[in-house]
Amino acid sequence: MVPEINYWAVIVAMLSTMVVGSIWYTPKVFGTRWAKLAKVDMNADKTALQAFMPIIVTVIVSFITAWVLAGATTIAWGFYGEGSYLVSALLTGIALWAGFTAARFITHDAFEGRPTSLTTLNIAHELVTVIVMSLIIGVWPPAGTV
C-alpha cells in the first residue's frame, strides 16, 4: 500500500531546502563559521560545472527526503488516529531527523574527527530544514485525508 502524498507539497518542501540552505550558509548567518570549521575555502575559484553538480544532487536528495517525509506523515497520521495532520508532520519530521539524520551525522563526524561545533551546526541546519518541510507538508495534506 502506497500512502497518499501531495506532490505539490513535496515539490514546495523540496524547494524550501534551497531557501533554508541559502539563508543558513550565507556569510552573515553561519556561512563563515561553517566554512572555517569545515575547512572550505569560500574564495576558491569554481567553474559553473563544479557548482551545478552539488545543486543537482541537492535537488534530488531533497525531493527524496520530502517524499519520504510526506509518506511517513500520512502513515503516522493514520496510525495514531487521524488527529492533526500538521502535528503528525512535525512529530514525524522531528523523529526522523533525530533517529536518522542527527544520529548518523554524530556517528560519522565522531569517526572522522570533525569538530563537535561543526556537527552541531550541521545537524541544527538539518533540523530547521526538516521543520520547514514538515510545516509545508503538514499544512498541505493530500486530498481526501483530512
N, C-alpha and C. Protein backbone atom coordinates (compact mmCIF):
# COMPACT_ATOMS: atom_id res chain seq x y z
N MET A 1 0.85 -1.18 0.00
CA MET A 1 0.00 0.00 0.00
C MET A 1 0.90 1.25 0.00
N VAL A 2 0.65 2.12 -0.92
CA VAL A 2 1.40 3.38 -1.02
C VAL A 2 0.57 4.48 -0.35
N PRO A 3 1.17 5.21 0.59
CA PRO A 3 0.40 6.26 1.28
C PRO A 3 0.08 7.41 0.33
N GLU A 4 -1.01 8.10 0.65
CA GLU A 4 -1.39 9.28 -0.13
C GLU A 4 -0.34 10.37 0.08
N ILE A 5 0.07 10.99 -1.01
CA ILE A 5 1.09 12.04 -0.95
C ILE A 5 0.65 13.21 -1.81
N ASN A 6 0.76 14.41 -1.28
CA ASN A 6 0.51 15.62 -2.05
C ASN A 6 1.83 16.02 -2.70
N TYR A 7 1.97 15.74 -4.00
CA TYR A 7 3.24 16.00 -4.67
C TYR A 7 3.53 17.49 -4.83
N TRP A 8 2.51 18.32 -4.83
CA TRP A 8 2.77 19.77 -4.84
C TRP A 8 3.45 20.19 -3.54
N ALA A 9 2.99 19.65 -2.43
CA ALA A 9 3.62 19.94 -1.14
C ALA A 9 5.05 19.41 -1.13
N VAL A 10 5.28 18.25 -1.71
CA VAL A 10 6.62 17.67 -1.78
C VAL A 10 7.54 18.59 -2.59
N ILE A 11 7.07 19.09 -3.72
CA ILE A 11 7.89 19.97 -4.56
C ILE A 11 8.20 21.27 -3.83
N VAL A 12 7.21 21.85 -3.19
CA VAL A 12 7.45 23.10 -2.44
C VAL A 12 8.39 22.84 -1.27
N ALA A 13 8.21 21.72 -0.58
CA ALA A 13 9.11 21.36 0.53
C ALA A 13 10.53 21.17 0.01
N MET A 14 10.67 20.54 -1.15
CA MET A 14 11.98 20.36 -1.75
C MET A 14 12.62 21.73 -2.03
N LEU A 15 11.86 22.62 -2.60
CA LEU A 15 12.39 23.96 -2.91
C LEU A 15 12.74 24.73 -1.63
N SER A 16 12.00 24.47 -0.57
CA SER A 16 12.27 25.17 0.69
C SER A 16 13.66 24.85 1.23
N THR A 17 14.18 23.67 0.90
CA THR A 17 15.52 23.32 1.37
C THR A 17 16.56 24.24 0.76
N MET A 18 16.32 24.69 -0.45
CA MET A 18 17.24 25.62 -1.12
C MET A 18 17.21 26.98 -0.42
N VAL A 19 16.02 27.40 -0.04
CA VAL A 19 15.87 28.69 0.64
C VAL A 19 16.53 28.63 2.01
N VAL A 20 16.23 27.56 2.77
CA VAL A 20 16.83 27.43 4.11
C VAL A 20 18.35 27.37 4.01
N GLY A 21 18.86 26.57 3.10
CA GLY A 21 20.31 26.45 2.93
C GLY A 21 20.96 27.76 2.50
N SER A 22 20.30 28.47 1.60
CA SER A 22 20.84 29.76 1.14
C SER A 22 20.93 30.77 2.28
N ILE A 23 19.94 30.76 3.15
CA ILE A 23 19.96 31.68 4.29
C ILE A 23 20.96 31.19 5.34
N TRP A 24 20.90 29.91 5.69
CA TRP A 24 21.74 29.34 6.74
C TRP A 24 23.23 29.53 6.45
N TYR A 25 23.61 29.26 5.21
CA TYR A 25 25.03 29.27 4.87
C TYR A 25 25.51 30.58 4.25
N THR A 26 24.69 31.62 4.32
CA THR A 26 25.18 32.92 3.88
C THR A 26 26.24 33.39 4.88
N PRO A 27 27.26 34.12 4.41
CA PRO A 27 28.32 34.54 5.33
C PRO A 27 27.83 35.31 6.55
N LYS A 28 26.74 36.05 6.44
CA LYS A 28 26.26 36.84 7.57
C LYS A 28 25.47 36.02 8.58
N VAL A 29 25.13 34.78 8.25
CA VAL A 29 24.43 33.93 9.20
C VAL A 29 25.45 32.92 9.74
N PHE A 30 25.56 31.73 9.11
CA PHE A 30 26.51 30.73 9.60
C PHE A 30 27.55 30.33 8.56
N GLY A 31 27.52 30.92 7.38
CA GLY A 31 28.41 30.51 6.29
C GLY A 31 29.88 30.64 6.62
N THR A 32 30.27 31.76 7.20
CA THR A 32 31.68 31.97 7.52
C THR A 32 32.14 30.98 8.58
N ARG A 33 31.33 30.79 9.60
CA ARG A 33 31.68 29.83 10.68
C ARG A 33 31.76 28.41 10.13
N TRP A 34 30.76 28.03 9.32
CA TRP A 34 30.76 26.69 8.73
C TRP A 34 32.00 26.48 7.87
N ALA A 35 32.33 27.45 7.01
CA ALA A 35 33.50 27.31 6.13
C ALA A 35 34.78 27.12 6.93
N LYS A 36 34.91 27.86 8.01
CA LYS A 36 36.10 27.74 8.85
C LYS A 36 36.17 26.36 9.50
N LEU A 37 35.05 25.92 10.08
CA LEU A 37 35.02 24.62 10.76
C LEU A 37 35.19 23.45 9.78
N ALA A 38 34.60 23.58 8.59
CA ALA A 38 34.66 22.50 7.59
C ALA A 38 35.91 22.60 6.72
N LYS A 39 36.68 23.67 6.93
CA LYS A 39 37.90 23.90 6.14
C LYS A 39 37.58 24.01 4.65
N VAL A 40 36.56 24.83 4.36
CA VAL A 40 36.15 25.09 2.98
C VAL A 40 36.58 26.50 2.62
N ASP A 41 37.26 26.64 1.50
CA ASP A 41 37.70 27.95 1.03
C ASP A 41 36.58 28.57 0.21
N MET A 42 35.88 29.53 0.81
CA MET A 42 34.75 30.19 0.14
C MET A 42 35.21 31.11 -1.00
N ASN A 43 36.50 31.43 -1.06
CA ASN A 43 37.02 32.32 -2.09
C ASN A 43 37.64 31.58 -3.26
N ALA A 44 37.65 30.27 -3.22
CA ALA A 44 38.25 29.48 -4.30
C ALA A 44 37.46 29.67 -5.58
N ASP A 45 38.17 29.75 -6.69
CA ASP A 45 37.51 29.86 -7.99
C ASP A 45 36.82 28.54 -8.31
N LYS A 46 35.56 28.63 -8.71
CA LYS A 46 34.80 27.44 -9.05
C LYS A 46 34.17 27.64 -10.41
N THR A 47 34.20 26.59 -11.22
CA THR A 47 33.56 26.66 -12.52
C THR A 47 32.06 26.44 -12.33
N ALA A 48 31.31 26.76 -13.36
CA ALA A 48 29.86 26.57 -13.31
C ALA A 48 29.52 25.10 -13.09
N LEU A 49 30.31 24.19 -13.69
CA LEU A 49 30.05 22.76 -13.54
C LEU A 49 30.27 22.31 -12.10
N GLN A 50 31.28 22.86 -11.43
CA GLN A 50 31.53 22.48 -10.04
C GLN A 50 30.37 22.90 -9.14
N ALA A 51 29.71 24.01 -9.43
CA ALA A 51 28.57 24.45 -8.64
C ALA A 51 27.29 23.73 -9.06
N PHE A 52 27.20 23.36 -10.32
CA PHE A 52 26.00 22.76 -10.87
C PHE A 52 25.71 21.38 -10.28
N MET A 53 26.73 20.53 -10.21
CA MET A 53 26.51 19.16 -9.74
C MET A 53 26.03 19.08 -8.29
N PRO A 54 26.63 19.82 -7.34
CA PRO A 54 26.09 19.76 -5.97
C PRO A 54 24.64 20.25 -5.89
N ILE A 55 24.28 21.21 -6.71
CA ILE A 55 22.90 21.70 -6.70
C ILE A 55 21.95 20.63 -7.22
N ILE A 56 22.33 19.95 -8.29
CA ILE A 56 21.50 18.86 -8.83
C ILE A 56 21.35 17.75 -7.79
N VAL A 57 22.44 17.38 -7.16
CA VAL A 57 22.39 16.34 -6.12
C VAL A 57 21.47 16.78 -4.98
N THR A 58 21.58 18.04 -4.58
CA THR A 58 20.74 18.57 -3.51
C THR A 58 19.27 18.53 -3.88
N VAL A 59 18.93 18.88 -5.10
CA VAL A 59 17.53 18.84 -5.56
C VAL A 59 17.00 17.41 -5.49
N ILE A 60 17.77 16.46 -5.99
CA ILE A 60 17.33 15.06 -5.99
C ILE A 60 17.17 14.54 -4.55
N VAL A 61 18.17 14.77 -3.73
CA VAL A 61 18.12 14.28 -2.35
C VAL A 61 17.00 14.98 -1.57
N SER A 62 16.80 16.26 -1.81
CA SER A 62 15.73 16.99 -1.12
C SER A 62 14.36 16.49 -1.55
N PHE A 63 14.21 16.13 -2.82
CA PHE A 63 12.94 15.57 -3.27
C PHE A 63 12.68 14.24 -2.56
N ILE A 64 13.69 13.39 -2.50
CA ILE A 64 13.53 12.09 -1.83
C ILE A 64 13.17 12.30 -0.36
N THR A 65 13.85 13.22 0.30
CA THR A 65 13.57 13.49 1.71
C THR A 65 12.13 13.97 1.90
N ALA A 66 11.70 14.91 1.07
CA ALA A 66 10.33 15.44 1.17
C ALA A 66 9.30 14.36 0.87
N TRP A 67 9.58 13.52 -0.10
CA TRP A 67 8.67 12.45 -0.48
C TRP A 67 8.53 11.43 0.66
N VAL A 68 9.66 11.03 1.25
CA VAL A 68 9.63 10.09 2.38
C VAL A 68 8.91 10.72 3.57
N LEU A 69 9.19 11.98 3.85
CA LEU A 69 8.54 12.67 4.96
C LEU A 69 7.03 12.75 4.74
N ALA A 70 6.62 13.05 3.53
CA ALA A 70 5.17 13.13 3.23
C ALA A 70 4.51 11.76 3.40
N GLY A 71 5.14 10.72 2.89
CA GLY A 71 4.58 9.38 3.04
C GLY A 71 4.55 8.93 4.49
N ALA A 72 5.64 9.16 5.20
CA ALA A 72 5.70 8.78 6.62
C ALA A 72 4.67 9.55 7.44
N THR A 73 4.46 10.81 7.08
CA THR A 73 3.46 11.62 7.80
C THR A 73 2.07 11.04 7.62
N THR A 74 1.72 10.68 6.40
CA THR A 74 0.40 10.10 6.15
C THR A 74 0.23 8.78 6.89
N ILE A 75 1.28 7.97 6.90
CA ILE A 75 1.21 6.70 7.63
C ILE A 75 1.06 6.96 9.13
N ALA A 76 1.85 7.87 9.68
CA ALA A 76 1.77 8.18 11.12
C ALA A 76 0.41 8.78 11.46
N TRP A 77 -0.08 9.67 10.63
CA TRP A 77 -1.37 10.32 10.86
C TRP A 77 -2.48 9.27 10.93
N GLY A 78 -2.47 8.31 10.02
CA GLY A 78 -3.47 7.25 10.04
C GLY A 78 -3.29 6.31 11.21
N PHE A 79 -2.06 5.99 11.53
CA PHE A 79 -1.77 5.05 12.62
C PHE A 79 -2.19 5.59 13.98
N TYR A 80 -1.95 6.88 14.19
CA TYR A 80 -2.23 7.47 15.51
C TYR A 80 -3.63 8.05 15.64
N GLY A 81 -4.52 7.68 14.78
CA GLY A 81 -5.91 8.04 14.96
C GLY A 81 -6.36 9.28 14.24
N GLU A 82 -5.60 9.70 13.26
CA GLU A 82 -6.03 10.79 12.38
C GLU A 82 -6.38 12.07 13.14
N GLY A 83 -5.48 12.53 13.98
CA GLY A 83 -5.65 13.82 14.64
C GLY A 83 -5.21 14.93 13.70
N SER A 84 -4.44 15.84 14.19
CA SER A 84 -3.94 16.95 13.38
C SER A 84 -2.87 16.46 12.42
N TYR A 85 -3.09 16.71 11.13
CA TYR A 85 -2.09 16.33 10.12
C TYR A 85 -0.81 17.14 10.31
N LEU A 86 -0.95 18.41 10.67
CA LEU A 86 0.21 19.26 10.90
C LEU A 86 1.06 18.74 12.06
N VAL A 87 0.43 18.38 13.17
CA VAL A 87 1.16 17.84 14.31
C VAL A 87 1.83 16.53 13.93
N SER A 88 1.13 15.69 13.17
CA SER A 88 1.74 14.43 12.71
C SER A 88 2.97 14.71 11.86
N ALA A 89 2.88 15.71 10.98
CA ALA A 89 4.02 16.05 10.12
C ALA A 89 5.21 16.52 10.95
N LEU A 90 4.95 17.39 11.92
CA LEU A 90 6.03 17.92 12.76
C LEU A 90 6.67 16.82 13.60
N LEU A 91 5.85 16.01 14.26
CA LEU A 91 6.39 14.94 15.10
C LEU A 91 7.14 13.89 14.27
N THR A 92 6.60 13.57 13.10
CA THR A 92 7.26 12.61 12.22
C THR A 92 8.59 13.17 11.73
N GLY A 93 8.59 14.42 11.31
CA GLY A 93 9.82 15.05 10.84
C GLY A 93 10.90 15.08 11.91
N ILE A 94 10.52 15.48 13.11
CA ILE A 94 11.49 15.55 14.20
C ILE A 94 12.00 14.16 14.57
N ALA A 95 11.11 13.18 14.60
CA ALA A 95 11.53 11.82 14.93
C ALA A 95 12.48 11.27 13.87
N LEU A 96 12.16 11.49 12.59
CA LEU A 96 13.04 11.01 11.53
C LEU A 96 14.38 11.74 11.56
N TRP A 97 14.35 13.05 11.83
CA TRP A 97 15.59 13.83 11.93
C TRP A 97 16.47 13.27 13.06
N ALA A 98 15.87 13.06 14.24
CA ALA A 98 16.65 12.60 15.40
C ALA A 98 17.17 11.18 15.19
N GLY A 99 16.32 10.31 14.68
CA GLY A 99 16.68 8.91 14.55
C GLY A 99 17.59 8.59 13.38
N PHE A 100 17.53 9.39 12.34
CA PHE A 100 18.34 9.10 11.16
C PHE A 100 19.38 10.19 10.90
N THR A 101 18.94 11.40 10.65
CA THR A 101 19.87 12.46 10.26
C THR A 101 20.84 12.79 11.38
N ALA A 102 20.35 13.22 12.52
CA ALA A 102 21.23 13.64 13.61
C ALA A 102 22.10 12.48 14.09
N ALA A 103 21.49 11.33 14.27
CA ALA A 103 22.25 10.17 14.76
C ALA A 103 23.37 9.80 13.79
N ARG A 104 23.11 9.82 12.50
CA ARG A 104 24.13 9.45 11.51
C ARG A 104 25.22 10.51 11.42
N PHE A 105 24.83 11.80 11.45
CA PHE A 105 25.83 12.87 11.44
C PHE A 105 26.78 12.71 12.62
N ILE A 106 26.21 12.50 13.81
CA ILE A 106 27.02 12.40 15.02
C ILE A 106 27.98 11.22 14.92
N THR A 107 27.50 10.09 14.45
CA THR A 107 28.34 8.90 14.32
C THR A 107 29.48 9.13 13.32
N HIS A 108 29.13 9.58 12.13
CA HIS A 108 30.16 9.78 11.09
C HIS A 108 31.16 10.85 11.49
N ASP A 109 30.67 11.95 12.02
CA ASP A 109 31.57 13.03 12.41
C ASP A 109 32.50 12.62 13.55
N ALA A 110 32.02 11.79 14.46
CA ALA A 110 32.87 11.32 15.55
C ALA A 110 34.02 10.47 15.00
N PHE A 111 33.72 9.58 14.06
CA PHE A 111 34.76 8.73 13.48
C PHE A 111 35.69 9.52 12.57
N GLU A 112 35.17 10.58 11.94
CA GLU A 112 36.01 11.40 11.06
C GLU A 112 36.77 12.47 11.81
N GLY A 113 36.52 12.59 13.11
CA GLY A 113 37.24 13.56 13.92
C GLY A 113 36.84 15.00 13.64
N ARG A 114 35.63 15.19 13.18
CA ARG A 114 35.16 16.57 12.91
C ARG A 114 34.86 17.27 14.22
N PRO A 115 35.02 18.57 14.24
CA PRO A 115 34.72 19.32 15.47
C PRO A 115 33.25 19.19 15.86
N THR A 116 33.02 19.07 17.15
CA THR A 116 31.65 18.97 17.66
C THR A 116 30.82 20.18 17.24
N SER A 117 31.45 21.35 17.20
CA SER A 117 30.72 22.56 16.80
C SER A 117 30.27 22.49 15.35
N LEU A 118 31.03 21.82 14.48
CA LEU A 118 30.61 21.64 13.08
C LEU A 118 29.43 20.67 13.01
N THR A 119 29.52 19.59 13.76
CA THR A 119 28.42 18.63 13.80
C THR A 119 27.15 19.31 14.29
N THR A 120 27.27 20.08 15.35
CA THR A 120 26.11 20.79 15.91
C THR A 120 25.51 21.75 14.89
N LEU A 121 26.36 22.50 14.21
CA LEU A 121 25.90 23.45 13.20
C LEU A 121 25.18 22.73 12.07
N ASN A 122 25.74 21.62 11.61
CA ASN A 122 25.13 20.88 10.50
C ASN A 122 23.82 20.20 10.89
N ILE A 123 23.76 19.59 12.08
CA ILE A 123 22.50 18.94 12.46
C ILE A 123 21.43 19.96 12.81
N ALA A 124 21.83 21.13 13.30
CA ALA A 124 20.85 22.20 13.53
C ALA A 124 20.27 22.68 12.21
N HIS A 125 21.13 22.79 11.19
CA HIS A 125 20.64 23.17 9.84
C HIS A 125 19.63 22.14 9.34
N GLU A 126 19.97 20.87 9.52
CA GLU A 126 19.05 19.82 9.08
C GLU A 126 17.74 19.84 9.86
N LEU A 127 17.79 20.15 11.15
CA LEU A 127 16.56 20.25 11.94
C LEU A 127 15.67 21.37 11.42
N VAL A 128 16.25 22.54 11.18
CA VAL A 128 15.46 23.66 10.65
C VAL A 128 14.88 23.29 9.29
N THR A 129 15.69 22.65 8.45
CA THR A 129 15.22 22.24 7.13
C THR A 129 14.04 21.28 7.24
N VAL A 130 14.15 20.29 8.11
CA VAL A 130 13.08 19.30 8.27
C VAL A 130 11.83 19.94 8.88
N ILE A 131 12.00 20.84 9.80
CA ILE A 131 10.83 21.51 10.38
C ILE A 131 10.10 22.33 9.32
N VAL A 132 10.83 23.06 8.49
CA VAL A 132 10.19 23.84 7.42
C VAL A 132 9.48 22.89 6.45
N MET A 133 10.14 21.81 6.07
CA MET A 133 9.50 20.83 5.19
C MET A 133 8.24 20.25 5.84
N SER A 134 8.33 19.94 7.13
CA SER A 134 7.19 19.38 7.86
C SER A 134 6.03 20.36 7.91
N LEU A 135 6.34 21.62 8.11
CA LEU A 135 5.28 22.64 8.13
C LEU A 135 4.56 22.70 6.79
N ILE A 136 5.32 22.70 5.72
CA ILE A 136 4.73 22.75 4.37
C ILE A 136 3.86 21.52 4.13
N ILE A 137 4.41 20.35 4.40
CA ILE A 137 3.66 19.11 4.18
C ILE A 137 2.47 19.03 5.13
N GLY A 138 2.64 19.51 6.36
CA GLY A 138 1.56 19.44 7.36
C GLY A 138 0.39 20.35 7.08
N VAL A 139 0.64 21.51 6.50
CA VAL A 139 -0.48 22.42 6.19
C VAL A 139 -1.08 22.14 4.82
N TRP A 140 -0.48 21.21 4.08
CA TRP A 140 -0.96 20.90 2.72
C TRP A 140 -1.08 19.40 2.54
N PRO A 141 -2.00 18.79 3.31
CA PRO A 141 -2.13 17.32 3.26
C PRO A 141 -2.70 16.86 1.92
N PRO A 142 -2.55 15.57 1.64
CA PRO A 142 -3.13 15.03 0.42
C PRO A 142 -4.65 15.17 0.42
N ALA A 143 -5.22 15.36 -0.74
CA ALA A 143 -6.68 15.49 -0.87
C ALA A 143 -7.36 14.25 -0.31
N GLY A 144 -8.40 14.47 0.46
CA GLY A 144 -9.18 13.37 0.99
C GLY A 144 -8.68 12.76 2.27
N THR A 145 -7.54 13.27 2.80
CA THR A 145 -7.03 12.68 4.04
C THR A 145 -7.50 13.43 5.26
N VAL A 146 -7.74 14.69 5.14
CA VAL A 146 -8.12 15.49 6.31
C VAL A 146 -9.51 16.06 6.12
